[in-house]
Structure formats: structure tokens, C-alpha cells
Amino acid sequence: STPEAYLALGLGLHRAGNTDEAQGAFDYALSLMTPEDRADFENIARIMTKDLEERYASLSPEEQAEFRSRFWRHADPLFLTPANEFRLEDMARMTYADMRFGVQEYGLRGWHTDRGIVYVRYGEPARKATFAPSTFSIGGDPDAVGKLTTVWSYGRRGPVFVFRQNP
């Protein structure tokens, strides 16, 4: 059994609203990971503010574990339920980002890609649009020629992200 299979199971259970079962699947997936992959997956710096991220990075591994524990305890929106819904959402986003944006052939985890980083931090965009590659540029961006352009919008007051990639 691989951690990826249990991460996928956890994602499916989370999306179906089975929080307790999702928690168990995610926790089992974490137990199957190598220490390096687990540390990367559990790295909460990607969802922190810049100053907290710098503080977290300066801590020892033991201090980081304690910091993560406190972070998730304080972030739990429904304190009286057994599962930490905010942590589950983070693990579901990490899993989705890896499945959707990762490139296994190159060993590239999805949460390390541009779209994965944005997805983990902000979640599903309110609107997505993808535009076909342009064959020429007249006063536009010459770097966009021949590339798909994808735009993610997070609502009227939220950020907008533009991704360009080869078809």
C-alpha cells in the first residue's frame, strides 16, 4: 500500500463529508510516508503569513512539531468535534494539488507547482478561464505567444492569478 492511495481515499472521504474516516485515511497515509515526504507534506509554512513563515523556518524540527500542534489546535473551527476540519481541508488541498498538478515522471509534487501553491493557500477559485494559445503578439505579452493562459479569480475582492504553460 502506498501513501498516495490513502491520500486519495482521504480526499474522497473528505469531499463526501466523512470527516472521521477522512482523518483516519490521511493519518495512515502520513504514517506510510518517508520522513522527508512527511515533513514536506506537513510543512505549514505555505499557508502562513510571511513573518510567521520566517519564524517557523528558524525553529528546530522538534520546535516546528510543537508549533504545528499549537497552530492546528488554534485553527480548529469546531473544537468540540473529534476531527480538526481546518487541518483536514489543508490535507485535502495538498492531496488534490499533488494529484492534479504534480508530474510524477519528474518527481515534481503538485504542491510545489505554481498552481499547486495557489490552490493549497486559497482553495478552489471562484472562477477559472483558459484561453487558447495566441500565435502572434501585437502590443501584448510576447512571452504568452504559443502558450495556454489560465486565469483563476477568487472573487471581487480576492486575488487573481494568471498561469501560462505550453499546450
Protein backbone atom coordinates (compact mmCIF):
# COMPACT_ATOMS: atom_id res chain seq x y z
CA SER A 1 0.00 0.00 0.00
CA THR A 2 1.19 3.49 -0.88
CA PRO A 3 0.61 6.78 0.88
CA GLU A 4 -0.86 8.21 -2.34
CA ALA A 5 -3.69 5.64 -2.29
CA TYR A 6 -4.63 6.59 1.26
CA LEU A 7 -4.31 10.30 0.48
CA ALA A 8 -6.75 9.79 -2.41
CA LEU A 9 -9.08 7.86 -0.10
CA GLY A 10 -8.87 10.66 2.47
CA LEU A 11 -9.66 13.25 -0.22
CA GLY A 12 -12.70 11.30 -1.39
CA LEU A 13 -13.97 10.79 2.14
CA HIS A 14 -13.40 14.46 2.96
CA ARG A 15 -15.35 15.57 -0.09
CA ALA A 16 -18.16 13.16 0.84
CA GLY A 17 -18.34 14.76 4.29
CA ASN A 18 -16.99 11.74 6.22
CA THR A 19 -14.56 13.69 8.37
CA ASP A 20 -13.67 10.99 10.89
CA GLU A 21 -12.91 8.41 8.18
CA ALA A 22 -11.00 11.03 6.16
CA GLN A 23 -8.88 11.84 9.22
CA GLY A 24 -8.03 8.15 9.62
CA ALA A 25 -7.08 7.77 5.94
CA PHE A 26 -4.89 10.90 5.97
CA ASP A 27 -3.20 9.87 9.23
CA TYR A 28 -2.48 6.38 7.85
CA ALA A 29 -1.08 7.93 4.65
CA LEU A 30 1.24 10.10 6.75
CA SER A 31 2.45 7.01 8.63
CA LEU A 32 3.41 5.37 5.30
CA MET A 33 5.43 8.35 4.03
CA THR A 34 9.18 8.67 4.22
CA PRO A 35 10.28 11.16 6.88
CA GLU A 36 11.26 13.64 4.13
CA ASP A 37 7.91 13.40 2.32
CA ARG A 38 6.00 13.63 5.59
CA ALA A 39 7.93 16.74 6.65
CA ASP A 40 7.25 18.30 3.25
CA PHE A 41 3.54 17.39 3.36
CA GLU A 42 3.12 18.66 6.92
CA ASN A 43 5.03 21.90 6.29
CA ILE A 44 2.52 24.58 7.26
CA ALA A 45 4.72 27.47 6.13
CA ARG A 46 2.89 27.52 2.78
CA ILE A 47 -0.34 28.68 4.47
CA MET A 48 1.21 31.20 6.87
CA THR A 49 1.88 34.89 6.63
CA LYS A 50 5.44 35.80 5.61
CA ASP A 51 6.57 36.80 9.12
CA LEU A 52 5.17 33.62 10.70
CA GLU A 53 6.72 31.56 7.91
CA GLU A 54 10.17 33.02 8.68
CA ARG A 55 9.71 32.37 12.40
CA TYR A 56 8.61 28.78 11.73
CA ALA A 57 11.60 28.15 9.42
CA SER A 58 14.02 29.27 12.14
CA LEU A 59 12.77 26.61 14.59
CA SER A 60 14.32 23.20 15.20
CA PRO A 61 12.36 20.15 13.93
CA GLU A 62 11.08 19.46 17.46
CA GLU A 63 10.01 23.09 17.89
CA GLN A 64 8.32 23.00 14.46
CA ALA A 65 6.32 19.92 15.53
CA GLU A 66 5.15 21.74 18.67
CA PHE A 67 4.37 24.88 16.65
CA ARG A 68 2.29 22.81 14.16
CA SER A 69 0.39 21.17 17.00
CA ARG A 70 -0.47 24.55 18.52
CA PHE A 71 -1.26 26.04 15.10
CA TRP A 72 -3.79 23.30 14.28
CA ARG A 73 -5.35 23.42 17.77
CA HIS A 74 -5.94 27.18 17.46
CA ALA A 75 -7.18 26.89 13.87
CA ASP A 76 -9.78 24.21 14.64
CA PRO A 77 -13.16 25.83 13.81
CA LEU A 78 -15.27 23.19 15.58
CA PHE A 79 -13.39 22.49 18.77
CA LEU A 80 -15.94 20.00 20.11
CA THR A 81 -15.75 17.64 17.12
CA PRO A 82 -13.13 14.86 17.05
CA ALA A 83 -11.62 15.94 13.73
CA ASN A 84 -9.84 19.21 13.02
CA GLU A 85 -11.75 20.41 9.97
CA PHE A 86 -9.19 23.09 9.04
CA ARG A 87 -6.33 20.58 9.08
CA LEU A 88 -8.43 18.13 7.04
CA GLU A 89 -9.10 20.84 4.47
CA ASP A 90 -5.37 21.54 4.25
CA MET A 91 -4.56 17.86 3.73
CA ALA A 92 -7.34 17.57 1.13
CA ARG A 93 -5.95 20.59 -0.76
CA MET A 94 -2.42 19.20 -0.59
CA THR A 95 -3.64 15.86 -1.95
CA TYR A 96 -5.70 17.44 -4.72
CA ALA A 97 -2.81 19.71 -5.72
CA ASP A 98 -0.48 16.70 -5.91
CA MET A 99 -2.93 14.63 -7.94
CA ARG A 100 -3.89 17.43 -10.32
CA PHE A 101 -0.69 19.42 -10.77
CA GLY A 102 2.14 17.02 -9.90
CA VAL A 103 4.38 15.49 -12.56
CA GLN A 104 5.31 12.03 -11.31
CA GLU A 105 7.80 11.39 -14.14
CA TYR A 106 9.90 14.32 -12.92
CA GLY A 107 9.35 13.75 -9.21
CA LEU A 108 7.53 17.09 -9.00
CA ARG A 109 4.98 17.19 -6.21
CA GLY A 110 1.84 19.13 -7.08
CA TRP A 111 2.08 21.39 -4.05
CA HIS A 112 5.43 22.68 -5.37
CA THR A 113 3.97 23.89 -8.70
CA ASP A 114 2.66 27.42 -9.20
CA ARG A 115 -0.95 26.29 -9.42
CA GLY A 116 -0.49 23.86 -6.53
CA ILE A 117 0.93 26.55 -4.25
CA VAL A 118 -2.02 28.83 -5.02
CA TYR A 119 -4.55 26.01 -4.65
CA VAL A 120 -3.21 24.94 -1.25
CA ARG A 121 -3.25 28.51 0.07
CA TYR A 122 -6.55 29.75 -1.41
CA GLY A 123 -8.54 26.65 -2.37
CA GLU A 124 -10.79 26.33 -5.39
CA PRO A 125 -11.07 29.60 -7.33
CA ALA A 126 -14.47 31.25 -7.71
CA ARG A 127 -13.89 31.45 -11.47
CA LYS A 128 -11.49 29.77 -13.88
CA ALA A 129 -10.91 30.55 -17.53
CA THR A 130 -8.46 29.03 -20.00
CA PHE A 131 -7.56 30.73 -23.27
CA ALA A 132 -6.09 29.10 -26.35
CA PRO A 133 -2.52 29.93 -27.34
CA SER A 134 -2.00 33.09 -29.32
CA THR A 135 0.07 32.79 -32.49
CA PHE A 136 1.25 36.40 -32.51
CA SER A 137 1.62 39.40 -30.25
CA ILE A 138 0.64 42.93 -31.17
CA GLY A 139 1.47 45.18 -28.25
CA GLY A 140 0.79 42.29 -25.90
CA ASP A 141 3.00 39.96 -23.90
CA PRO A 142 5.48 38.24 -26.22
CA ASP A 143 6.02 35.53 -23.57
CA ALA A 144 2.38 34.47 -23.98
CA VAL A 145 2.76 33.54 -27.65
CA GLY A 146 2.12 29.83 -28.15
CA LYS A 147 1.12 29.21 -24.52
CA LEU A 148 -2.18 28.39 -22.85
CA THR A 149 -3.27 31.11 -20.47
CA THR A 150 -5.30 30.10 -17.43
CA VAL A 151 -6.82 32.71 -15.11
CA TRP A 152 -8.04 31.94 -11.58
CA SER A 153 -10.15 34.57 -9.84
CA TYR A 154 -11.02 34.45 -6.16
CA GLY A 155 -13.97 36.81 -6.31
CA ARG A 156 -14.49 40.53 -6.50
CA ARG A 157 -12.09 41.38 -3.65
CA GLY A 158 -9.85 38.33 -3.88
CA PRO A 159 -6.64 37.85 -5.78
CA VAL A 160 -6.40 36.91 -9.46
CA PHE A 161 -3.69 34.56 -10.75
CA VAL A 162 -2.56 34.08 -14.34
CA PHE A 163 -0.74 30.91 -15.34
CA ARG A 164 0.96 30.37 -18.70
CA GLN A 165 2.12 27.00 -19.93
CA ASN A 166 2.93 25.11 -23.07
CA PRO A 167 -0.06 23.27 -24.54
